[in-house]
Amino acid sequence: MANELERLAAGVRRFQEQVFPVRRAFFTRLAKRQSPEILFITCADSRIVPALITMTKPGELFVERNPGNLVPPYVDACVGEAASVEYAVAELGVDHVVVCGHTDCGAVKGLLAPEKIGAKLPAVGRWLAHGAEAIARLPSETELPDAKARLRRLAELNVVVQLEHLRTHPSVAARLARNELQLHGWVYDIGAGRVDALDASSGRFAPWPPR
């Protein structure tokens, strides 16, 4: 445990001594305000690093992370994810919202065995209920007999469902109605470094950006 903390300390020290001084003017501007153009909703999985995947700089992405990149449907009493969405969309005025799932997602695997997850991790089990609709849309094992293919398709369907949930949020619905906001669905392949994006017209995911 001490070694992990020492590694963090070394990283902070390196940032303060080597990175920050070189980019002091940039961070001085950032300290005054933020103006991201994209709300990036993704999984809390430690292998997912939005700024690395997109090669963006501090201040360019407003990031919301949680297990399974879930977006609960809007209700008056909801907090957390709804607050992040509302702030990014209504206050910061982002132009795009990306919901980014990924391969080998523990939360998506949990959707396949909710009873087992709920018994061991009750809070996680309750949270995963927001992805249950994706299971209802998953093709049967006769259509997708391969376990890896089923998991991959479930990750895609989960992104589709969360985009639908996003549309129930008043701030999102209002900006969409005025054609001021665009929603995007991604699945990031950890092992291949590939991003597949949802084609809304066909409902299929294809490599993005196109080559």
Protein backbone atom coordinates (compact mmCIF):
# COMPACT_ATOMS: atom_id res chain seq x y z
CA MET A 1 0.00 0.00 0.00
CA ALA A 2 2.84 2.38 0.86
CA ASN A 3 4.48 1.71 -2.50
CA GLU A 4 1.33 2.74 -4.37
CA LEU A 5 1.14 6.01 -2.43
CA GLU A 6 4.82 6.66 -3.03
CA ARG A 7 4.23 6.21 -6.76
CA LEU A 8 1.44 8.79 -6.63
CA ALA A 9 3.66 11.18 -4.69
CA ALA A 10 6.42 10.77 -7.26
CA GLY A 11 3.94 11.48 -10.03
CA VAL A 12 2.62 14.64 -8.35
CA ARG A 13 6.18 15.82 -7.76
CA ARG A 14 7.10 15.20 -11.40
CA PHE A 15 4.02 17.13 -12.54
CA GLN A 16 4.80 20.06 -10.25
CA GLU A 17 8.49 20.23 -11.16
CA GLN A 18 8.54 19.25 -14.83
CA VAL A 19 5.10 19.68 -16.41
CA PHE A 20 3.40 22.60 -14.65
CA PRO A 21 6.27 25.12 -15.02
CA VAL A 22 6.44 24.53 -18.77
CA ARG A 23 2.67 24.99 -19.17
CA ARG A 24 2.08 27.59 -16.47
CA ALA A 25 0.32 30.04 -18.81
CA PHE A 26 -2.06 27.31 -19.99
CA PHE A 27 -3.01 26.35 -16.42
CA THR A 28 -3.37 30.01 -15.46
CA ARG A 29 -6.03 30.38 -18.16
CA LEU A 30 -7.72 27.16 -17.04
CA ALA A 31 -7.86 28.42 -13.47
CA LYS A 32 -10.21 31.24 -14.52
CA ARG A 33 -12.90 29.23 -16.31
CA GLN A 34 -13.79 26.01 -18.08
CA SER A 35 -15.49 25.77 -21.46
CA PRO A 36 -15.59 22.12 -22.54
CA GLU A 37 -17.40 21.28 -25.75
CA ILE A 38 -18.06 17.62 -24.95
CA LEU A 39 -19.69 15.75 -22.07
CA PHE A 40 -18.01 12.35 -21.98
CA ILE A 41 -19.92 9.70 -20.02
CA THR A 42 -17.95 6.53 -19.53
CA CYS A 43 -17.22 3.65 -17.19
CA ALA A 44 -15.25 3.97 -13.96
CA ASP A 45 -13.04 1.07 -15.10
CA SER A 46 -9.39 1.96 -14.40
CA ARG A 47 -8.37 0.95 -17.91
CA ILE A 48 -10.47 3.68 -19.51
CA VAL A 49 -8.68 7.03 -19.75
CA PRO A 50 -10.83 9.46 -21.77
CA ALA A 51 -8.11 12.05 -22.35
CA LEU A 52 -5.73 9.35 -23.58
CA ILE A 53 -8.25 7.71 -25.92
CA THR A 54 -9.25 11.06 -27.44
CA MET A 55 -5.88 12.80 -27.06
CA THR A 56 -7.57 15.82 -25.52
CA LYS A 57 -6.12 18.45 -23.19
CA PRO A 58 -7.35 19.51 -19.72
CA GLY A 59 -10.49 21.61 -20.10
CA GLU A 60 -11.74 19.99 -23.30
CA LEU A 61 -13.84 17.16 -21.83
CA PHE A 62 -16.38 17.30 -19.02
CA VAL A 63 -16.21 13.72 -17.75
CA GLU A 64 -18.84 11.72 -15.84
CA ARG A 65 -17.79 8.21 -14.79
CA ASN A 66 -19.64 5.38 -13.09
CA PRO A 67 -19.76 1.56 -13.24
CA GLY A 68 -21.15 0.60 -16.63
CA ASN A 69 -21.43 4.15 -18.07
CA LEU A 70 -25.07 4.21 -16.98
CA VAL A 71 -27.43 7.18 -17.20
CA PRO A 72 -30.57 6.64 -15.10
CA PRO A 73 -33.78 7.98 -16.67
CA TYR A 74 -34.59 11.43 -15.35
CA VAL A 75 -36.78 11.78 -12.27
CA ASP A 76 -37.14 14.86 -10.05
CA ALA A 77 -35.42 13.17 -7.14
CA CYS A 78 -32.38 11.89 -9.03
CA VAL A 79 -28.93 13.28 -8.35
CA GLY A 80 -25.35 12.42 -9.30
CA GLU A 81 -25.37 11.62 -13.00
CA ALA A 82 -28.38 13.88 -13.57
CA ALA A 83 -26.56 16.79 -11.94
CA SER A 84 -23.50 16.27 -14.14
CA VAL A 85 -25.64 16.07 -17.27
CA GLU A 86 -27.64 19.16 -16.36
CA TYR A 87 -24.59 21.22 -15.47
CA ALA A 88 -22.67 20.26 -18.62
CA VAL A 89 -25.62 20.70 -20.98
CA ALA A 90 -27.51 23.64 -19.47
CA GLU A 91 -24.75 25.62 -17.77
CA LEU A 92 -21.55 24.86 -19.68
CA GLY A 93 -23.38 24.51 -22.99
CA VAL A 94 -21.53 21.51 -24.39
CA ASP A 95 -22.26 20.77 -28.04
CA HIS A 96 -21.86 16.99 -27.86
CA VAL A 97 -22.52 14.15 -25.41
CA VAL A 98 -20.64 10.88 -25.83
CA VAL A 99 -21.67 7.71 -24.00
CA CYS A 100 -18.64 5.42 -24.18
CA GLY A 101 -18.84 1.76 -23.22
CA HIS A 102 -15.97 -0.68 -23.51
CA THR A 103 -14.97 -4.31 -23.96
CA ASP A 104 -14.52 -6.64 -20.97
CA CYS A 105 -16.76 -4.41 -18.84
CA GLY A 106 -17.43 -5.87 -15.40
CA ALA A 107 -20.74 -4.02 -15.14
CA VAL A 108 -21.92 -5.42 -18.47
CA LYS A 109 -20.91 -8.91 -17.32
CA GLY A 110 -22.93 -8.23 -14.17
CA LEU A 111 -26.03 -7.59 -16.27
CA LEU A 112 -25.85 -11.24 -17.31
CA ALA A 113 -25.95 -12.42 -13.68
CA PRO A 114 -27.82 -9.78 -11.64
CA GLU A 115 -28.79 -12.19 -8.82
CA LYS A 116 -25.19 -13.21 -8.22
CA ILE A 117 -23.99 -9.58 -8.26
CA GLY A 118 -26.84 -8.41 -6.04
CA ALA A 119 -26.13 -11.05 -3.42
CA LYS A 120 -22.46 -10.11 -3.16
CA LEU A 121 -22.58 -6.39 -3.97
CA PRO A 122 -26.10 -5.09 -3.26
CA ALA A 123 -25.38 -1.45 -4.11
CA VAL A 124 -23.85 -2.50 -7.42
CA GLY A 125 -26.81 -4.78 -8.08
CA ARG A 126 -29.26 -1.92 -7.57
CA TRP A 127 -27.20 0.35 -9.81
CA LEU A 128 -27.07 -2.17 -12.64
CA ALA A 129 -30.86 -2.14 -12.81
CA HIS A 130 -30.42 0.94 -15.01
CA GLY A 131 -28.95 -1.34 -17.68
CA ALA A 132 -31.57 -4.08 -17.48
CA GLU A 133 -33.29 -3.00 -20.71
CA ALA A 134 -30.13 -3.89 -22.63
CA ILE A 135 -30.51 -7.51 -21.50
CA ALA A 136 -34.11 -7.52 -22.74
CA ARG A 137 -32.87 -6.57 -26.22
CA LEU A 138 -29.98 -9.04 -26.35
CA PRO A 139 -30.42 -11.65 -29.13
CA SER A 140 -30.88 -15.23 -28.00
CA GLU A 141 -27.99 -17.67 -27.63
CA THR A 142 -29.08 -19.34 -30.86
CA GLU A 143 -28.54 -16.04 -32.70
CA LEU A 144 -25.32 -15.15 -30.87
CA PRO A 145 -23.93 -18.46 -29.55
CA ASP A 146 -20.42 -17.14 -28.92
CA ALA A 147 -20.03 -15.76 -25.38
CA LYS A 148 -17.58 -13.06 -26.45
CA ALA A 149 -19.91 -11.89 -29.22
CA ARG A 150 -22.86 -11.76 -26.80
CA LEU A 151 -20.85 -9.69 -24.32
CA ARG A 152 -19.75 -7.32 -27.04
CA ARG A 153 -23.31 -6.91 -28.34
CA LEU A 154 -24.56 -6.33 -24.80
CA ALA A 155 -22.01 -3.54 -24.34
CA GLU A 156 -23.33 -1.95 -27.53
CA LEU A 157 -26.97 -2.32 -26.50
CA ASN A 158 -26.20 -0.85 -23.11
CA VAL A 159 -24.83 2.27 -24.81
CA VAL A 160 -27.98 2.51 -26.93
CA VAL A 161 -30.21 2.25 -23.85
CA GLN A 162 -28.25 4.92 -21.97
CA LEU A 163 -28.58 7.29 -24.91
CA GLU A 164 -32.33 6.77 -24.73
CA HIS A 165 -32.24 7.51 -21.00
CA LEU A 166 -30.29 10.70 -21.72
CA ARG A 167 -33.12 11.96 -23.89
CA THR A 168 -35.46 11.93 -20.85
CA HIS A 169 -33.37 14.61 -19.13
CA PRO A 170 -35.06 18.01 -19.59
CA SER A 171 -31.84 19.90 -20.32
CA VAL A 172 -30.91 17.39 -23.02
CA ALA A 173 -34.41 17.26 -24.53
CA ALA A 174 -34.57 21.07 -24.74
CA ARG A 175 -31.21 21.42 -26.49
CA LEU A 176 -32.00 18.54 -28.86
CA ALA A 177 -35.31 20.18 -29.79
CA ARG A 178 -33.37 23.32 -30.77
CA ASN A 179 -30.77 21.29 -32.71
CA GLU A 180 -28.09 22.59 -30.36
CA LEU A 181 -26.83 19.22 -29.13
CA GLN A 182 -25.66 15.94 -30.63
CA LEU A 183 -25.56 12.55 -28.90
CA HIS A 184 -23.01 9.87 -29.75
CA GLY A 185 -22.57 6.25 -28.71
CA TRP A 186 -19.14 4.59 -28.61
CA VAL A 187 -17.66 1.27 -27.61
CA TYR A 188 -13.92 1.28 -26.93
CA ASP A 189 -12.01 -1.96 -27.54
CA ILE A 190 -9.29 -2.03 -24.89
CA GLY A 191 -7.13 -4.69 -26.51
CA ALA A 192 -7.32 -3.27 -30.03
CA GLY A 193 -7.33 0.45 -29.25
CA ARG A 194 -10.34 0.79 -31.55
CA VAL A 195 -13.44 2.94 -31.16
CA ASP A 196 -16.71 1.80 -32.74
CA ALA A 197 -19.43 4.43 -33.05
CA LEU A 198 -23.18 4.02 -33.33
CA ASP A 199 -24.79 4.76 -36.68
CA ALA A 200 -28.19 6.01 -35.58
CA SER A 201 -29.83 5.22 -38.92
CA SER A 202 -28.81 1.55 -38.99
CA GLY A 203 -28.39 0.90 -35.27
CA ARG A 204 -25.00 -0.68 -35.96
CA PHE A 205 -21.57 0.14 -34.56
CA ALA A 206 -18.70 0.70 -36.97
CA PRO A 207 -15.04 1.75 -36.62
CA TRP A 208 -14.63 5.48 -36.00
CA PRO A 209 -13.31 7.70 -37.31
CA PRO A 210 -13.72 6.20 -40.79
CA ARG A 211 -10.45 5.48 -42.56
